PDB file of N, CA and C in Angstrom:
ATOM      1  N   UNK A   1       0.842  -1.184   0.000  1.00  0.00           N
ATOM      2  CA  UNK A   1       0.000   0.000   0.000  1.00  0.00           C
ATOM      3  C   UNK A   1       0.887   1.247   0.000  1.00  0.00           C
ATOM      4  N   UNK A   2       0.560   2.186  -0.827  1.00  0.00           N
ATOM      5  CA  UNK A   2       1.374   3.397  -0.970  1.00  0.00           C
ATOM      6  C   UNK A   2       1.025   4.414   0.107  1.00  0.00           C
ATOM      7  N   UNK A   3       2.043   5.136   0.563  1.00  0.00           N
ATOM      8  CA  UNK A   3       1.840   6.179   1.570  1.00  0.00           C
ATOM      9  C   UNK A   3       1.139   7.370   0.917  1.00  0.00           C
ATOM     10  N   UNK A   4       0.020   7.788   1.464  1.00  0.00           N
ATOM     11  CA  UNK A   4      -0.806   8.834   0.842  1.00  0.00           C
ATOM     12  C   UNK A   4      -0.505  10.226   1.383  1.00  0.00           C
ATOM     13  N   UNK A   5       0.564  10.382   2.147  1.00  0.00           N
ATOM     14  CA  UNK A   5       0.860  11.708   2.700  1.00  0.00           C
ATOM     15  C   UNK A   5       1.427  12.627   1.613  1.00  0.00           C
ATOM     16  N   UNK A   6       1.155  13.887   1.761  1.00  0.00           N
ATOM     17  CA  UNK A   6       1.636  14.881   0.807  1.00  0.00           C
ATOM     18  C   UNK A   6       3.009  15.374   1.227  1.00  0.00           C
ATOM     19  N   UNK A   7       3.890  15.529   0.246  1.00  0.00           N
ATOM     20  CA  UNK A   7       5.189  16.124   0.541  1.00  0.00           C
ATOM     21  C   UNK A   7       5.045  17.647   0.491  1.00  0.00           C
ATOM     22  N   UNK A   8       6.070  18.314   0.953  1.00  0.00           N
ATOM     23  CA  UNK A   8       6.055  19.781   0.939  1.00  0.00           C
ATOM     24  C   UNK A   8       5.961  20.295  -0.500  1.00  0.00           C
ATOM     25  N   UNK A   9       6.491  19.537  -1.454  1.00  0.00           N
ATOM     26  CA  UNK A   9       6.448  19.964  -2.848  1.00  0.00           C
ATOM     27  C   UNK A   9       5.053  19.813  -3.440  1.00  0.00           C
ATOM     28  N   UNK A  10       4.329  18.786  -2.998  1.00  0.00           N
ATOM     29  CA  UNK A  10       2.936  18.655  -3.427  1.00  0.00           C
ATOM     30  C   UNK A  10       2.104  19.826  -2.912  1.00  0.00           C
ATOM     31  N   UNK A  11       2.354  20.191  -1.658  1.00  0.00           N
ATOM     32  CA  UNK A  11       1.648  21.337  -1.072  1.00  0.00           C
ATOM     33  C   UNK A  11       2.010  22.616  -1.828  1.00  0.00           C
ATOM     34  N   UNK A  12       3.287  22.756  -2.187  1.00  0.00           N
ATOM     35  CA  UNK A  12       3.735  23.933  -2.943  1.00  0.00           C
ATOM     36  C   UNK A  12       3.044  24.005  -4.299  1.00  0.00           C
ATOM     37  N   UNK A  13       2.917  22.859  -4.961  1.00  0.00           N
ATOM     38  CA  UNK A  13       2.258  22.823  -6.271  1.00  0.00           C
ATOM     39  C   UNK A  13       0.789  23.212  -6.144  1.00  0.00           C
ATOM     40  N   UNK A  14       0.086  22.621  -5.179  1.00  0.00           N
ATOM     41  CA  UNK A  14      -1.343  22.915  -5.030  1.00  0.00           C
ATOM     42  C   UNK A  14      -1.592  24.338  -4.554  1.00  0.00           C
ATOM     43  N   UNK A  15      -0.744  24.830  -3.659  1.00  0.00           N
ATOM     44  CA  UNK A  15      -0.894  26.215  -3.211  1.00  0.00           C
ATOM     45  C   UNK A  15      -0.633  27.176  -4.371  1.00  0.00           C
ATOM     46  N   UNK A  16       0.375  26.879  -5.178  1.00  0.00           N
ATOM     47  CA  UNK A  16       0.664  27.705  -6.349  1.00  0.00           C
ATOM     48  C   UNK A  16      -0.478  27.703  -7.344  1.00  0.00           C
ATOM     49  N   UNK A  17      -1.094  26.536  -7.532  1.00  0.00           N
ATOM     50  CA  UNK A  17      -2.239  26.455  -8.446  1.00  0.00           C
ATOM     51  C   UNK A  17      -3.405  27.284  -7.916  1.00  0.00           C
ATOM     52  N   UNK A  18      -3.628  27.240  -6.606  1.00  0.00           N
ATOM     53  CA  UNK A  18      -4.717  28.029  -6.013  1.00  0.00           C
ATOM     54  C   UNK A  18      -4.448  29.524  -6.148  1.00  0.00           C
ATOM     55  N   UNK A  19      -3.219  29.933  -5.899  1.00  0.00           N
ATOM     56  CA  UNK A  19      -2.863  31.354  -6.023  1.00  0.00           C
ATOM     57  C   UNK A  19      -2.993  31.810  -7.475  1.00  0.00           C
ATOM     58  N   UNK A  20      -2.559  30.968  -8.404  1.00  0.00           N
ATOM     59  CA  UNK A  20      -2.709  31.307  -9.830  1.00  0.00           C
ATOM     60  C   UNK A  20      -4.173  31.442 -10.214  1.00  0.00           C
ATOM     61  N   UNK A  21      -5.008  30.573  -9.660  1.00  0.00           N
ATOM     62  CA  UNK A  21      -6.440  30.638  -9.954  1.00  0.00           C
ATOM     63  C   UNK A  21      -7.038  31.949  -9.442  1.00  0.00           C
ATOM     64  N   UNK A  22      -6.650  32.369  -8.252  1.00  0.00           N
ATOM     65  CA  UNK A  22      -7.136  33.642  -7.709  1.00  0.00           C
ATOM     66  C   UNK A  22      -6.701  34.789  -8.620  1.00  0.00           C
ATOM     67  N   UNK A  23      -5.459  34.747  -9.083  1.00  0.00           N
ATOM     68  CA  UNK A  23      -4.976  35.770 -10.010  1.00  0.00           C
ATOM     69  C   UNK A  23      -5.749  35.763 -11.315  1.00  0.00           C
ATOM     70  N   UNK A  24      -6.060  34.574 -11.804  1.00  0.00           N
ATOM     71  CA  UNK A  24      -6.830  34.460 -13.043  1.00  0.00           C
ATOM     72  C   UNK A  24      -8.228  35.031 -12.879  1.00  0.00           C
ATOM     73  N   UNK A  25      -8.852  34.765 -11.741  1.00  0.00           N
ATOM     74  CA  UNK A  25     -10.177  35.338 -11.469  1.00  0.00           C
ATOM     75  C   UNK A  25     -10.087  36.863 -11.442  1.00  0.00           C
ATOM     76  N   UNK A  26      -9.034  37.391 -10.846  1.00  0.00           N
ATOM     77  CA  UNK A  26      -8.834  38.844 -10.827  1.00  0.00           C
ATOM     78  C   UNK A  26      -8.676  39.421 -12.225  1.00  0.00           C
ATOM     79  N   UNK A  27      -7.932  38.720 -13.071  1.00  0.00           N
ATOM     80  CA  UNK A  27      -7.753  39.198 -14.446  1.00  0.00           C
ATOM     81  C   UNK A  27      -9.070  39.180 -15.221  1.00  0.00           C
ATOM     82  N   UNK A  28      -9.861  38.144 -15.028  1.00  0.00           N
ATOM     83  CA  UNK A  28     -11.164  38.068 -15.692  1.00  0.00           C
ATOM     84  C   UNK A  28     -12.070  39.193 -15.196  1.00  0.00           C
ATOM     85  N   UNK A  29     -12.015  39.488 -13.888  1.00  0.00           N
ATOM     86  CA  UNK A  29     -12.805  40.594 -13.347  1.00  0.00           C
ATOM     87  C   UNK A  29     -12.399  41.907 -14.004  1.00  0.00           C
ATOM     88  N   UNK A  30     -11.087  42.134 -14.167  1.00  0.00           N
ATOM     89  CA  UNK A  30     -10.608  43.373 -14.798  1.00  0.00           C
ATOM     90  C   UNK A  30     -11.097  43.476 -16.237  1.00  0.00           C
ATOM     91  N   UNK A  31     -11.025  42.372 -16.968  1.00  0.00           N
ATOM     92  CA  UNK A  31     -11.482  42.375 -18.352  1.00  0.00           C
ATOM     93  C   UNK A  31     -12.972  42.684 -18.411  1.00  0.00           C
ATOM     94  N   UNK A  32     -13.747  42.066 -17.528  1.00  0.00           N
ATOM     95  CA  UNK A  32     -15.196  42.296 -17.517  1.00  0.00           C
ATOM     96  C   UNK A  32     -15.513  43.741 -17.157  1.00  0.00           C
ATOM     97  N   UNK A  33     -14.788  44.293 -16.207  1.00  0.00           N
ATOM     98  CA  UNK A  33     -15.040  45.682 -15.769  1.00  0.00           C
ATOM     99  C   UNK A  33     -14.763  46.674 -16.904  1.00  0.00           C
ATOM    100  N   UNK A  34     -13.662  46.475 -17.610  1.00  0.00           N
ATOM    101  CA  UNK A  34     -13.326  47.381 -18.714  1.00  0.00           C
ATOM    102  C   UNK A  34     -14.298  47.181 -19.880  1.00  0.00           C
ATOM    103  N   UNK A  35     -14.689  45.937 -20.148  1.00  0.00           N
ATOM    104  CA  UNK A  35     -15.646  45.686 -21.231  1.00  0.00           C
ATOM    105  C   UNK A  35     -16.992  46.334 -20.914  1.00  0.00           C
ATOM    106  N   UNK A  36     -17.393  46.274 -19.645  1.00  0.00           N
ATOM    107  CA  UNK A  36     -18.658  46.911 -19.236  1.00  0.00           C
ATOM    108  C   UNK A  36     -18.574  48.428 -19.442  1.00  0.00           C
ATOM    109  N   UNK A  37     -17.441  49.012 -19.096  1.00  0.00           N
ATOM    110  CA  UNK A  37     -17.274  50.460 -19.278  1.00  0.00           C
ATOM    111  C   UNK A  37     -17.256  50.820 -20.765  1.00  0.00           C
ATOM    112  N   UNK A  38     -16.647  49.950 -21.562  1.00  0.00           N
ATOM    113  CA  UNK A  38     -16.587  50.224 -23.001  1.00  0.00           C
ATOM    114  C   UNK A  38     -17.974  50.143 -23.633  1.00  0.00           C
ATOM    115  N   UNK A  39     -18.762  49.152 -23.209  1.00  0.00           N
ATOM    116  CA  UNK A  39     -20.130  49.024 -23.729  1.00  0.00           C
ATOM    117  C   UNK A  39     -21.002  50.197 -23.325  1.00  0.00           C
ATOM    118  N   UNK A  40     -20.710  50.795 -22.176  1.00  0.00           N
ATOM    119  CA  UNK A  40     -21.495  51.940 -21.714  1.00  0.00           C
ATOM    120  C   UNK A  40     -21.167  53.211 -22.498  1.00  0.00           C
ATOM    121  N   UNK A  41     -20.153  53.127 -23.346  1.00  0.00           N
ATOM    122  CA  UNK A  41     -19.743  54.265 -24.185  1.00  0.00           C
ATOM    123  C   UNK A  41     -19.533  55.515 -23.332  1.00  0.00           C
ATOM    124  N   UNK A  42     -18.715  55.367 -22.292  1.00  0.00           N
ATOM    125  CA  UNK A  42     -18.438  56.497 -21.398  1.00  0.00           C
ATOM    126  C   UNK A  42     -17.612  57.553 -22.111  1.00  0.00           C
ATOM    127  N   UNK A  43     -17.762  58.794 -21.686  1.00  0.00           N
ATOM    128  CA  UNK A  43     -16.879  59.839 -22.217  1.00  0.00           C
ATOM    129  C   UNK A  43     -15.424  59.536 -21.842  1.00  0.00           C
ATOM    130  N   UNK A  44     -14.507  60.153 -22.549  1.00  0.00           N
ATOM    131  CA  UNK A  44     -13.086  59.848 -22.380  1.00  0.00           C
ATOM    132  C   UNK A  44     -12.609  60.018 -20.936  1.00  0.00           C
ATOM    133  N   UNK A  45     -13.033  61.077 -20.291  1.00  0.00           N
ATOM    134  CA  UNK A  45     -12.584  61.320 -18.912  1.00  0.00           C
ATOM    135  C   UNK A  45     -13.092  60.249 -17.951  1.00  0.00           C
ATOM    136  N   UNK A  46     -14.355  59.865 -18.098  1.00  0.00           N
ATOM    137  CA  UNK A  46     -14.904  58.827 -17.223  1.00  0.00           C
ATOM    138  C   UNK A  46     -14.247  57.473 -17.505  1.00  0.00           C
ATOM    139  N   UNK A  47     -13.969  57.195 -18.778  1.00  0.00           N
ATOM    140  CA  UNK A  47     -13.283  55.950 -19.131  1.00  0.00           C
ATOM    141  C   UNK A  47     -11.880  55.929 -18.533  1.00  0.00           C
ATOM    142  N   UNK A  48     -11.233  57.057 -18.548  1.00  0.00           N
ATOM    143  CA  UNK A  48      -9.896  57.153 -17.963  1.00  0.00           C
ATOM    144  C   UNK A  48      -9.936  56.868 -16.464  1.00  0.00           C
ATOM    145  N   UNK A  49     -10.966  57.370 -15.780  1.00  0.00           N
ATOM    146  CA  UNK A  49     -11.114  57.119 -14.346  1.00  0.00           C
ATOM    147  C   UNK A  49     -11.312  55.626 -14.088  1.00  0.00           C
ATOM    148  N   UNK A  50     -12.149  54.981 -14.905  1.00  0.00           N
ATOM    149  CA  UNK A  50     -12.382  53.542 -14.755  1.00  0.00           C
ATOM    150  C   UNK A  50     -11.069  52.776 -14.954  1.00  0.00           C
ATOM    151  N   UNK A  51     -10.344  53.123 -15.987  1.00  0.00           N
ATOM    152  CA  UNK A  51      -9.087  52.442 -16.277  1.00  0.00           C
ATOM    153  C   UNK A  51      -8.053  52.666 -15.170  1.00  0.00           C
ATOM    154  N   UNK A  52      -8.020  53.872 -14.601  1.00  0.00           N
ATOM    155  CA  UNK A  52      -7.092  54.145 -13.507  1.00  0.00           C
ATOM    156  C   UNK A  52      -7.432  53.333 -12.264  1.00  0.00           C
ATOM    157  N   UNK A  53      -8.718  53.048 -12.053  1.00  0.00           N
ATOM    158  CA  UNK A  53      -9.122  52.233 -10.911  1.00  0.00           C
ATOM    159  C   UNK A  53      -8.835  50.745 -11.146  1.00  0.00           C
ATOM    160  N   UNK A  54      -8.949  50.305 -12.387  1.00  0.00           N
ATOM    161  CA  UNK A  54      -8.768  48.892 -12.707  1.00  0.00           C
ATOM    162  C   UNK A  54      -7.286  48.516 -12.803  1.00  0.00           C
ATOM    163  N   UNK A  55      -6.442  49.439 -13.186  1.00  0.00           N
ATOM    164  CA  UNK A  55      -5.027  49.144 -13.423  1.00  0.00           C
ATOM    165  C   UNK A  55      -4.326  48.511 -12.221  1.00  0.00           C
ATOM    166  N   UNK A  56      -4.437  49.050 -10.998  1.00  0.00           N
ATOM    167  CA  UNK A  56      -3.748  48.397  -9.872  1.00  0.00           C
ATOM    168  C   UNK A  56      -4.259  46.973  -9.611  1.00  0.00           C
ATOM    169  N   UNK A  57      -5.561  46.769  -9.765  1.00  0.00           N
ATOM    170  CA  UNK A  57      -6.116  45.432  -9.585  1.00  0.00           C
ATOM    171  C   UNK A  57      -5.581  44.484 -10.656  1.00  0.00           C
ATOM    172  N   UNK A  58      -5.474  44.972 -11.867  1.00  0.00           N
ATOM    173  CA  UNK A  58      -4.950  44.171 -12.969  1.00  0.00           C
ATOM    174  C   UNK A  58      -3.504  43.767 -12.697  1.00  0.00           C
ATOM    175  N   UNK A  59      -2.694  44.712 -12.278  1.00  0.00           N
ATOM    176  CA  UNK A  59      -1.292  44.407 -11.992  1.00  0.00           C
ATOM    177  C   UNK A  59      -1.162  43.448 -10.814  1.00  0.00           C
ATOM    178  N   UNK A  60      -1.984  43.633  -9.789  1.00  0.00           N
ATOM    179  CA  UNK A  60      -1.958  42.728  -8.645  1.00  0.00           C
ATOM    180  C   UNK A  60      -2.368  41.316  -9.027  1.00  0.00           C
ATOM    181  N   UNK A  61      -3.394  41.193  -9.850  1.00  0.00           N
ATOM    182  CA  UNK A  61      -3.842  39.877 -10.302  1.00  0.00           C
ATOM    183  C   UNK A  61      -2.777  39.208 -11.158  1.00  0.00           C
ATOM    184  N   UNK A  62      -2.128  39.979 -12.004  1.00  0.00           N
ATOM    185  CA  UNK A  62      -1.049  39.438 -12.826  1.00  0.00           C
ATOM    186  C   UNK A  62       0.105  38.966 -11.949  1.00  0.00           C
ATOM    187  N   UNK A  63       0.437  39.740 -10.926  1.00  0.00           N
ATOM    188  CA  UNK A  63       1.502  39.358  -9.995  1.00  0.00           C
ATOM    189  C   UNK A  63       1.150  38.057  -9.279  1.00  0.00           C
ATOM    190  N   UNK A  64      -0.090  37.939  -8.812  1.00  0.00           N
ATOM    191  CA  UNK A  64      -0.512  36.704  -8.150  1.00  0.00           C
ATOM    192  C   UNK A  64      -0.400  35.503  -9.093  1.00  0.00           C
ATOM    193  N   UNK A  65      -0.817  35.678 -10.324  1.00  0.00           N
ATOM    194  CA  UNK A  65      -0.726  34.585 -11.294  1.00  0.00           C
ATOM    195  C   UNK A  65       0.717  34.164 -11.519  1.00  0.00           C
ATOM    196  N   UNK A  66       1.601  35.122 -11.648  1.00  0.00           N
ATOM    197  CA  UNK A  66       3.014  34.815 -11.888  1.00  0.00           C
ATOM    198  C   UNK A  66       3.622  34.129 -10.668  1.00  0.00           C
ATOM    199  N   UNK A  67       3.355  34.628  -9.482  1.00  0.00           N
ATOM    200  CA  UNK A  67       3.900  34.009  -8.270  1.00  0.00           C
ATOM    201  C   UNK A  67       3.381  32.578  -8.132  1.00  0.00           C
ATOM    202  N   UNK A  68       2.092  32.379  -8.372  1.00  0.00           N
ATOM    203  CA  UNK A  68       1.523  31.040  -8.296  1.00  0.00           C
ATOM    204  C   UNK A  68       2.149  30.090  -9.302  1.00  0.00           C
ATOM    205  N   UNK A  69       2.346  30.557 -10.526  1.00  0.00           N
ATOM    206  CA  UNK A  69       2.965  29.707 -11.538  1.00  0.00           C
ATOM    207  C   UNK A  69       4.417  29.395 -11.191  1.00  0.00           C
ATOM    208  N   UNK A  70       5.122  30.360 -10.598  1.00  0.00           N
ATOM    209  CA  UNK A  70       6.493  30.097 -10.160  1.00  0.00           C
ATOM    210  C   UNK A  70       6.503  29.033  -9.064  1.00  0.00           C
ATOM    211  N   UNK A  71       5.542  29.100  -8.145  1.00  0.00           N
ATOM    212  CA  UNK A  71       5.452  28.091  -7.099  1.00  0.00           C
ATOM    213  C   UNK A  71       5.213  26.707  -7.690  1.00  0.00           C
ATOM    214  N   UNK A  72       4.348  26.621  -8.678  1.00  0.00           N
ATOM    215  CA  UNK A  72       4.070  25.335  -9.327  1.00  0.00           C
ATOM    216  C   UNK A  72       5.330  24.792  -9.987  1.00  0.00           C
ATOM    217  N   UNK A  73       6.028  25.633 -10.728  1.00  0.00           N
ATOM    218  CA  UNK A  73       7.231  25.196 -11.427  1.00  0.00           C
ATOM    219  C   UNK A  73       8.302  24.742 -10.435  1.00  0.00           C
ATOM    220  N   UNK A  74       8.507  25.518  -9.381  1.00  0.00           N
ATOM    221  CA  UNK A  74       9.510  25.136  -8.375  1.00  0.00           C
ATOM    222  C   UNK A  74       9.113  23.822  -7.708  1.00  0.00           C
ATOM    223  N   UNK A  75       7.844  23.658  -7.397  1.00  0.00           N
ATOM    224  CA  UNK A  75       7.386  22.407  -6.802  1.00  0.00           C
ATOM    225  C   UNK A  75       7.595  21.218  -7.712  1.00  0.00           C
ATOM    226  N   UNK A  76       7.362  21.396  -8.995  1.00  0.00           N
ATOM    227  CA  UNK A  76       7.548  20.301  -9.951  1.00  0.00           C
ATOM    228  C   UNK A  76       9.031  19.982 -10.118  1.00  0.00           C
ATOM    229  N   UNK A  77       9.858  21.008 -10.246  1.00  0.00           N
ATOM    230  CA  UNK A  77      11.281  20.786 -10.456  1.00  0.00           C
ATOM    231  C   UNK A  77      11.927  20.129  -9.234  1.00  0.00           C
ATOM    232  N   UNK A  78      11.599  20.609  -8.048  1.00  0.00           N
ATOM    233  CA  UNK A  78      12.238  20.086  -6.844  1.00  0.00           C
ATOM    234  C   UNK A  78      11.578  18.800  -6.333  1.00  0.00           C
ATOM    235  N   UNK A  79      10.344  18.555  -6.748  1.00  0.00           N
ATOM    236  CA  UNK A  79       9.618  17.373  -6.260  1.00  0.00           C
ATOM    237  C   UNK A  79       9.942  16.205  -7.029  1.00  0.00           C
TER     238      UNK A  79
END
């Protein structure tokens, strides 16, 4: 019978996948928010305000996705 315990690398892989998923959800939210603003045909100034609010969230979501993917890769390489 095989030992079913998780190694630290398995935990690293799954945690990285979860973090990447959260980042992906954030990116989809940013895309939806900008698409909604574009469909509303906002004036240039209002569109700029929307984009300025979405940009930090977009960068944060991208950072989370990259960190999560790095965790997955490190877990696979070292595991």
